[in-house]
């Protein structure tokens, strides 16, 4: 009798090579790693650091393109590079900008999530995505992938909540979420100590000084959102712990997936409702 053919797959949790018919991953204990439910594209993205970073960037880019194309009056080509291809304020409001106007007057609390994926111009989204590309790998290495997404999402929401409480009327951008990752890196470097921890703390501390210097010199920067994101990231980093202090747990993965699903639902709702308002 011929032996049944066995296929090898990457465990959707720990990414180690296992047999597809394993009842439980021998490395991390994940149940039925070969299950199609556990190997769908959503799970694969949430378990692959590079894929998750790219997915966040693609979502930001997609929302930017949609907000530009569906801006009343069409595309804006100006001589100012800071406003080149900028979506109109009305389009940004429709697609999920946050602040006291959307929340108090329109009761759009969900914009605390959607605003993290909207940007006001080419340079705005470019700077934020480059910053994400720099800081996210460090956070994934020290906190693991699920905790990085928790920090990114909840930190962004917290940053915009702080700016809302401070009375900021209208705001967008992923910088509050990116600043949350920076805050988590600050906490990691300070708490871990040693040569490596001190090097991380000094380097990221320099970024913080640059962020606030930029915010003071350039008008229209949401410094409340930046400060709220950094503070939230440091507090969340202490709460959920980094890899050397606490291994990634099941509730970290579950929380990250719930937040990812909520983000997708909110952005889909923003796009559909915004498009319906345009036609």
Protein backbone atom coordinates (compact mmCIF):
# COMPACT_ATOMS: atom_id res chain seq x y z
CA UNK A 1 0.00 0.00 0.00
CA UNK A 2 1.33 3.41 -0.93
CA UNK A 3 1.81 5.91 1.87
CA UNK A 4 -0.45 8.94 1.82
CA UNK A 5 1.19 11.97 0.29
CA UNK A 6 2.00 14.63 2.88
CA UNK A 7 2.39 18.30 2.07
CA UNK A 8 4.52 20.71 4.01
CA UNK A 9 3.24 24.19 4.84
CA UNK A 10 4.33 27.15 6.94
CA UNK A 11 2.51 27.30 10.25
CA UNK A 12 0.27 30.43 10.05
CA UNK A 13 1.40 31.43 13.55
CA UNK A 14 5.12 30.72 13.96
CA UNK A 15 5.97 30.41 10.22
CA UNK A 16 7.90 27.17 10.70
CA UNK A 17 7.67 24.25 8.27
CA UNK A 18 5.15 21.60 9.39
CA UNK A 19 3.05 18.86 7.82
CA UNK A 20 -0.35 20.02 6.54
CA UNK A 21 -2.13 17.22 8.38
CA UNK A 22 -0.66 18.01 11.82
CA UNK A 23 -3.34 18.22 14.52
CA UNK A 24 -1.20 20.76 16.35
CA UNK A 25 1.94 22.67 15.38
CA UNK A 26 4.87 20.97 17.19
CA UNK A 27 6.65 24.32 17.59
CA UNK A 28 3.98 26.76 18.81
CA UNK A 29 0.97 24.57 19.55
CA UNK A 30 -1.40 26.14 16.99
CA UNK A 31 -4.37 23.84 16.37
CA UNK A 32 -4.75 22.44 12.82
CA UNK A 33 -2.14 24.65 11.14
CA UNK A 34 -3.11 23.17 7.76
CA UNK A 35 -6.74 24.28 8.06
CA UNK A 36 -7.90 26.47 5.18
CA UNK A 37 -9.54 28.77 7.72
CA UNK A 38 -6.16 29.37 9.31
CA UNK A 39 -4.43 29.82 5.95
CA UNK A 40 -6.69 32.41 4.33
CA UNK A 41 -5.15 35.61 2.98
CA UNK A 42 -6.22 37.63 6.03
CA UNK A 43 -4.42 35.24 8.39
CA UNK A 44 -1.37 35.09 6.15
CA UNK A 45 -1.04 38.88 6.16
CA UNK A 46 -1.50 39.06 9.93
CA UNK A 47 1.27 36.49 10.41
CA UNK A 48 3.82 37.89 7.97
CA UNK A 49 5.63 41.07 9.05
CA UNK A 50 6.50 42.29 5.57
CA UNK A 51 3.00 41.55 4.27
CA UNK A 52 1.37 43.42 7.15
CA UNK A 53 3.54 46.52 6.68
CA UNK A 54 2.80 46.46 2.94
CA UNK A 55 -0.93 46.02 3.62
CA UNK A 56 -0.96 49.10 5.87
CA UNK A 57 0.90 51.09 3.21
CA UNK A 58 -1.44 49.88 0.45
CA UNK A 59 -4.51 50.80 2.50
CA UNK A 60 -3.12 54.29 3.08
CA UNK A 61 -2.26 54.65 -0.60
CA UNK A 62 -5.66 53.34 -1.67
CA UNK A 63 -7.55 55.73 0.58
CA UNK A 64 -5.38 58.61 -0.66
CA UNK A 65 -6.08 57.80 -4.31
CA UNK A 66 -9.82 57.45 -3.67
CA UNK A 67 -10.00 60.73 -1.75
CA UNK A 68 -8.10 62.54 -4.53
CA UNK A 69 -10.11 61.08 -7.40
CA UNK A 70 -13.45 61.71 -5.72
CA UNK A 71 -12.66 65.23 -4.55
CA UNK A 72 -15.23 67.75 -5.76
CA UNK A 73 -13.71 69.67 -8.67
CA UNK A 74 -11.33 66.84 -9.57
CA UNK A 75 -7.55 66.75 -9.21
CA UNK A 76 -5.67 69.72 -7.81
CA UNK A 77 -2.34 70.60 -9.44
CA UNK A 78 -0.72 73.49 -7.61
CA UNK A 79 2.75 74.97 -7.62
CA UNK A 80 3.16 74.16 -3.93
CA UNK A 81 4.67 70.67 -3.40
CA UNK A 82 3.04 70.49 0.03
CA UNK A 83 -0.41 70.69 -1.58
CA UNK A 84 0.33 68.82 -4.81
CA UNK A 85 -2.52 66.39 -5.62
CA UNK A 86 -4.25 67.28 -2.36
CA UNK A 87 -7.74 65.93 -1.68
CA UNK A 88 -10.28 68.63 -0.90
CA UNK A 89 -11.42 69.16 2.68
CA UNK A 90 -14.94 68.06 1.74
CA UNK A 91 -13.65 64.75 0.36
CA UNK A 92 -11.53 64.16 3.46
CA UNK A 93 -14.53 64.89 5.66
CA UNK A 94 -16.70 62.49 3.66
CA UNK A 95 -14.12 59.69 3.74
CA UNK A 96 -13.40 59.84 7.46
CA UNK A 97 -11.41 62.82 8.74
CA UNK A 98 -11.77 63.20 12.49
CA UNK A 99 -11.86 66.05 15.02
CA UNK A 100 -14.53 68.00 16.86
CA UNK A 101 -16.47 68.78 13.67
CA UNK A 102 -16.93 65.15 12.49
CA UNK A 103 -17.41 63.80 16.02
CA UNK A 104 -19.50 66.48 17.74
CA UNK A 105 -21.57 67.66 14.79
CA UNK A 106 -21.81 64.45 12.75
CA UNK A 107 -21.45 61.86 15.56
CA UNK A 108 -18.77 60.00 13.60
CA UNK A 109 -16.77 58.32 16.35
CA UNK A 110 -15.55 55.74 13.85
CA UNK A 111 -13.39 58.46 12.27
CA UNK A 112 -10.90 57.93 15.12
CA UNK A 113 -9.91 54.85 13.08
CA UNK A 114 -10.47 56.01 9.49
CA UNK A 115 -8.53 59.27 9.88
CA UNK A 116 -5.36 57.23 10.38
CA UNK A 117 -5.60 56.18 6.71
CA UNK A 118 -6.23 59.61 5.14
CA UNK A 119 -3.62 62.15 4.04
CA UNK A 120 -3.63 65.70 2.78
CA UNK A 121 -1.03 65.48 0.01
CA UNK A 122 1.73 63.49 -1.68
CA UNK A 123 4.44 64.60 0.74
CA UNK A 124 2.17 64.00 3.73
CA UNK A 125 1.59 60.35 2.88
CA UNK A 126 5.16 59.85 1.64
CA UNK A 127 6.76 61.07 4.88
CA UNK A 128 4.40 59.02 7.04
CA UNK A 129 4.85 55.81 5.04
CA UNK A 130 8.64 56.19 5.06
CA UNK A 131 8.53 56.66 8.83
CA UNK A 132 6.33 53.57 9.16
CA UNK A 133 8.75 51.58 7.01
CA UNK A 134 11.59 52.58 9.34
CA UNK A 135 10.01 52.04 12.76
CA UNK A 136 7.67 49.08 12.15
CA UNK A 137 10.40 46.41 11.64
CA UNK A 138 12.00 47.40 14.97
CA UNK A 139 8.67 47.14 16.80
CA UNK A 140 7.87 43.79 15.15
CA UNK A 141 11.30 42.47 16.13
CA UNK A 142 10.97 43.54 19.77
CA UNK A 143 7.21 43.20 20.33
CA UNK A 144 6.13 40.69 17.63
CA UNK A 145 3.73 41.30 14.77
CA UNK A 146 0.37 41.23 16.60
CA UNK A 147 1.51 43.65 19.27
CA UNK A 148 2.85 45.99 16.58
CA UNK A 149 -0.61 46.21 14.99
CA UNK A 150 -2.23 46.72 18.40
CA UNK A 151 0.18 49.57 19.10
CA UNK A 152 -0.36 51.08 15.65
CA UNK A 153 -4.17 50.97 15.75
CA UNK A 154 -4.92 51.79 19.39
CA UNK A 155 -2.12 54.35 19.51
CA UNK A 156 -3.56 56.13 16.48
CA UNK A 157 -7.03 56.15 18.02
CA UNK A 158 -5.59 57.44 21.32
CA UNK A 159 -3.63 60.18 19.56
CA UNK A 160 -6.72 61.45 17.76
CA UNK A 161 -8.74 61.18 20.97
CA UNK A 162 -6.23 63.46 22.69
CA UNK A 163 -6.40 65.96 19.81
CA UNK A 164 -10.21 65.81 19.91
CA UNK A 165 -10.20 66.55 23.64
CA UNK A 166 -7.79 69.41 22.95
CA UNK A 167 -10.36 70.91 20.57
CA UNK A 168 -8.72 70.16 17.19
CA UNK A 169 -11.55 70.62 14.71
CA UNK A 170 -10.34 68.68 11.68
CA UNK A 171 -7.39 66.30 11.37
CA UNK A 172 -6.08 63.36 9.35
CA UNK A 173 -2.92 61.31 8.87
CA UNK A 174 -1.17 58.19 10.10
CA UNK A 175 1.39 60.16 12.10
CA UNK A 176 -0.43 59.57 15.41
CA UNK A 177 -0.26 55.81 14.78
CA UNK A 178 3.40 56.01 13.72
CA UNK A 179 4.13 58.11 16.81
CA UNK A 180 2.58 55.33 18.90
CA UNK A 181 5.21 52.94 17.53
CA UNK A 182 7.85 55.53 18.38
CA UNK A 183 6.48 55.78 21.93
CA UNK A 184 6.63 51.98 22.27
CA UNK A 185 10.25 52.04 21.04
CA UNK A 186 11.08 54.72 23.62
CA UNK A 187 9.60 52.59 26.39
CA UNK A 188 11.44 49.50 25.14
CA UNK A 189 14.80 51.27 24.98
CA UNK A 190 14.44 52.88 28.41
CA UNK A 191 13.07 49.77 30.12
CA UNK A 192 15.47 47.28 28.58
CA UNK A 193 18.58 49.34 29.14
CA UNK A 194 22.03 48.05 28.26
CA UNK A 195 23.96 49.21 25.23
CA UNK A 196 21.27 48.12 22.80
CA UNK A 197 18.40 49.61 24.79
CA UNK A 198 20.27 52.89 25.24
CA UNK A 199 21.05 53.04 21.51
CA UNK A 200 17.37 52.54 20.64
CA UNK A 201 16.30 55.13 23.21
CA UNK A 202 18.79 57.74 21.96
CA UNK A 203 17.97 57.22 18.28
CA UNK A 204 14.20 57.25 18.74
CA UNK A 205 14.49 60.14 21.19
CA UNK A 206 16.13 62.12 18.39
CA UNK A 207 13.14 61.37 16.17
CA UNK A 208 10.79 62.71 18.86
CA UNK A 209 12.75 65.97 19.09
CA UNK A 210 12.61 66.28 15.30
CA UNK A 211 8.85 65.58 15.23
CA UNK A 212 8.05 68.34 17.70
CA UNK A 213 10.51 70.78 16.14
CA UNK A 214 8.84 70.16 12.78
CA UNK A 215 5.42 70.61 14.40
CA UNK A 216 6.41 73.97 15.88
CA UNK A 217 7.92 75.31 12.66
CA UNK A 218 5.26 74.09 10.21
CA UNK A 219 1.69 75.40 10.65
CA UNK A 220 -1.21 72.97 10.59
CA UNK A 221 0.65 70.06 12.25
CA UNK A 222 -1.42 68.19 14.84
CA UNK A 223 1.04 68.23 17.73
CA UNK A 224 -1.67 67.01 20.10
CA UNK A 225 -2.09 63.90 17.97
CA UNK A 226 1.66 63.33 17.88
CA UNK A 227 2.03 63.75 21.64
CA UNK A 228 -1.01 61.58 22.34
CA UNK A 229 0.31 58.86 20.04
CA UNK A 230 3.76 58.82 21.66
CA UNK A 231 2.30 58.72 25.18
CA UNK A 232 -0.21 56.01 24.22
CA UNK A 233 2.52 53.93 22.58
CA UNK A 234 4.70 54.09 25.70
CA UNK A 235 1.79 53.17 27.99
CA UNK A 236 0.58 50.37 25.70
CA UNK A 237 4.14 49.07 25.39
CA UNK A 238 4.36 48.81 29.16
CA UNK A 239 0.93 47.15 29.33
CA UNK A 240 1.33 44.48 26.66
CA UNK A 241 5.07 43.98 27.17
CA UNK A 242 7.86 43.35 24.69
CA UNK A 243 9.22 39.99 23.59
CA UNK A 244 12.08 39.70 26.13
CA UNK A 245 9.67 40.25 29.03
CA UNK A 246 6.57 38.46 27.76
CA UNK A 247 6.00 36.13 24.83
CA UNK A 248 3.22 36.94 22.39
CA UNK A 249 0.02 35.35 23.72
CA UNK A 250 -3.21 34.20 22.13
CA UNK A 251 -5.05 37.31 23.27
CA UNK A 252 -2.49 39.48 21.50
CA UNK A 253 -3.20 37.68 18.23
CA UNK A 254 -6.97 37.78 18.77
CA UNK A 255 -6.95 41.49 19.63
CA UNK A 256 -4.84 42.30 16.54
CA UNK A 257 -7.21 40.38 14.27
CA UNK A 258 -10.30 42.03 15.77
CA UNK A 259 -8.71 45.46 15.29
CA UNK A 260 -7.73 44.58 11.71
CA UNK A 261 -11.28 43.44 10.92
CA UNK A 262 -12.70 46.62 12.50
CA UNK A 263 -10.31 48.75 10.45
CA UNK A 264 -11.35 47.07 7.19
CA UNK A 265 -15.05 47.44 8.02
CA UNK A 266 -14.64 51.12 8.94
CA UNK A 267 -12.66 51.92 5.77
CA UNK A 268 -15.12 50.03 3.57
CA UNK A 269 -18.00 51.89 5.18
CA UNK A 270 -16.18 55.21 4.70
CA UNK A 271 -15.54 54.52 1.00
CA UNK A 272 -19.06 53.23 0.22
CA UNK A 273 -20.87 55.95 2.16
CA UNK A 274 -18.56 58.62 0.74
CA UNK A 275 -19.07 57.39 -2.81
CA UNK A 276 -22.85 57.33 -2.34
CA UNK A 277 -22.74 60.95 -1.20
CA UNK A 278 -20.85 61.86 -4.36
CA UNK A 279 -23.33 60.39 -6.85
